[in-house]
C-alpha atoms as a PDB file:
ATOM      1  CA  MET A   1     -28.455 -13.538   9.077  1.00  0.00           C
ATOM      2  CA  SER A   2     -24.998 -14.822   8.189  1.00  0.00           C
ATOM      3  CA  ARG A   3     -21.937 -12.712   8.827  1.00  0.00           C
ATOM      4  CA  PRO A   4     -18.772 -12.607   6.742  1.00  0.00           C
ATOM      5  CA  SER A   5     -15.545 -13.962   8.181  1.00  0.00           C
ATOM      6  CA  LEU A   6     -12.708 -11.620   9.115  1.00  0.00           C
ATOM      7  CA  ASP A   7     -10.803 -12.766   6.015  1.00  0.00           C
ATOM      8  CA  THR A   8     -13.785 -11.854   3.832  1.00  0.00           C
ATOM      9  CA  LEU A   9     -14.054  -8.402   5.446  1.00  0.00           C
ATOM     10  CA  ILE A  10     -10.354  -7.825   4.839  1.00  0.00           C
ATOM     11  CA  ASP A  11     -10.712  -8.907   1.201  1.00  0.00           C
ATOM     12  CA  ILE A  12     -13.665  -6.541   0.725  1.00  0.00           C
ATOM     13  CA  ALA A  13     -11.826  -3.624   2.371  1.00  0.00           C
ATOM     14  CA  ASN A  14      -8.749  -4.242   0.214  1.00  0.00           C
ATOM     15  CA  ALA A  15     -10.823  -4.489  -2.961  1.00  0.00           C
ATOM     16  CA  LEU A  16     -12.512  -1.173  -2.165  1.00  0.00           C
ATOM     17  CA  GLY A  17      -9.295   0.531  -1.040  1.00  0.00           C
ATOM     18  CA  LEU A  18     -10.725   1.153   2.435  1.00  0.00           C
ATOM     19  CA  SER A  19      -9.597   0.415   5.957  1.00  0.00           C
ATOM     20  CA  ALA A  20     -11.608  -2.175   7.855  1.00  0.00           C
ATOM     21  CA  GLU A  21     -12.674   0.636  10.209  1.00  0.00           C
ATOM     22  CA  ASP A  22     -13.996   2.727   7.329  1.00  0.00           C
ATOM     23  CA  LEU A  23     -15.851  -0.307   6.021  1.00  0.00           C
ATOM     24  CA  LEU A  24     -17.512  -0.890   9.409  1.00  0.00           C
ATOM     25  CA  VAL A  25     -17.822   2.724  10.621  1.00  0.00           C
ATOM     26  CA  ASP A  26     -21.631   2.764  10.532  1.00  0.00           C
ATOM     27  CA  SER A  27     -21.806  -0.516  12.473  1.00  0.00           C
ATOM     28  CA  LEU A  28     -19.434   0.435  15.309  1.00  0.00           C
ATOM     29  CA  THR A  29     -20.722   1.823  18.588  1.00  0.00           C
ATOM     30  CA  HIS A  30     -17.630   4.002  19.053  1.00  0.00           C
ATOM     31  CA  SER A  31     -16.015   4.971  15.802  1.00  0.00           C
ATOM     32  CA  ALA A  32     -13.566   7.673  14.901  1.00  0.00           C
ATOM     33  CA  SER A  33     -13.182   7.497  11.148  1.00  0.00           C
ATOM     34  CA  THR A  34     -10.237   9.444   9.805  1.00  0.00           C
ATOM     35  CA  ALA A  35     -11.445   9.303   6.201  1.00  0.00           C
ATOM     36  CA  ASP A  36     -12.588  12.928   6.290  1.00  0.00           C
ATOM     37  CA  SER A  37      -9.654  14.352   8.237  1.00  0.00           C
ATOM     38  CA  GLU A  38      -7.332  16.908   6.696  1.00  0.00           C
ATOM     39  CA  ILE A  39      -4.305  14.707   7.408  1.00  0.00           C
ATOM     40  CA  HIS A  40      -5.922  11.783   5.587  1.00  0.00           C
ATOM     41  CA  ARG A  41      -6.677  13.936   2.546  1.00  0.00           C
ATOM     42  CA  LEU A  42      -3.090  15.234   2.485  1.00  0.00           C
ATOM     43  CA  LEU A  43      -1.665  11.714   2.675  1.00  0.00           C
ATOM     44  CA  LEU A  44      -3.822  10.579  -0.244  1.00  0.00           C
ATOM     45  CA  ASP A  45      -1.973  13.103  -2.409  1.00  0.00           C
ATOM     46  CA  CYS A  46       1.478  11.747  -1.443  1.00  0.00           C
ATOM     47  CA  ASN A  47       3.609   9.010  -2.899  1.00  0.00           C
ATOM     48  CA  GLU A  48       4.679   6.079  -0.705  1.00  0.00           C
ATOM     49  CA  ILE A  49       7.943   7.670   0.458  1.00  0.00           C
ATOM     50  CA  GLU A  50       6.221  10.962   1.331  1.00  0.00           C
ATOM     51  CA  GLN A  51       3.544   9.049   3.265  1.00  0.00           C
ATOM     52  CA  GLU A  52       6.188   7.144   5.222  1.00  0.00           C
ATOM     53  CA  ILE A  53       8.116  10.322   6.094  1.00  0.00           C
ATOM     54  CA  LEU A  54       4.995  12.263   7.100  1.00  0.00           C
ATOM     55  CA  THR A  55       3.650   9.370   9.153  1.00  0.00           C
ATOM     56  CA  ARG A  56       6.958   9.092  11.015  1.00  0.00           C
ATOM     57  CA  MET A  57       6.956  12.855  11.645  1.00  0.00           C
ATOM     58  CA  VAL A  58       3.389  12.825  12.974  1.00  0.00           C
ATOM     59  CA  LYS A  59       4.223   9.938  15.328  1.00  0.00           C
ATOM     60  CA  GLU A  60       7.260  11.819  16.623  1.00  0.00           C
ATOM     61  CA  MET A  61       5.268  15.024  17.109  1.00  0.00           C
ATOM     62  CA  LYS A  62       2.537  13.112  18.925  1.00  0.00           C
ATOM     63  CA  ALA A  63       5.147  11.642  21.277  1.00  0.00           C
ATOM     64  CA  ILE A  64       6.512  15.148  21.939  1.00  0.00           C
ATOM     65  CA  LEU A  65       3.019  16.480  22.684  1.00  0.00           C
ATOM     66  CA  TYR A  66       2.370  13.527  24.986  1.00  0.00           C
ATOM     67  CA  GLY A  67       5.657  14.263  26.770  1.00  0.00           C
ATOM     68  CA  LEU A  68       4.565  17.889  27.246  1.00  0.00           C
ATOM     69  CA  GLY A  69       1.265  16.743  28.722  1.00  0.00           C
ATOM     70  CA  VAL A  70      -0.842  18.051  25.841  1.00  0.00           C
END
């Protein structure tokens, strides 16, 4: 069985509007797809600026939680 190159996988993922992880999720031994998460669904409804702001906020909140030992 032949396997596609990494470039081909990236092209397929981009054409389908998926992340490479979502494309391979059923093939991975340890996968944690975020496609069905509430945060992912909320971000899909945002424009690019809103996505950037919310992503930055989530990263900052995660750092705070890490600092608190959560």
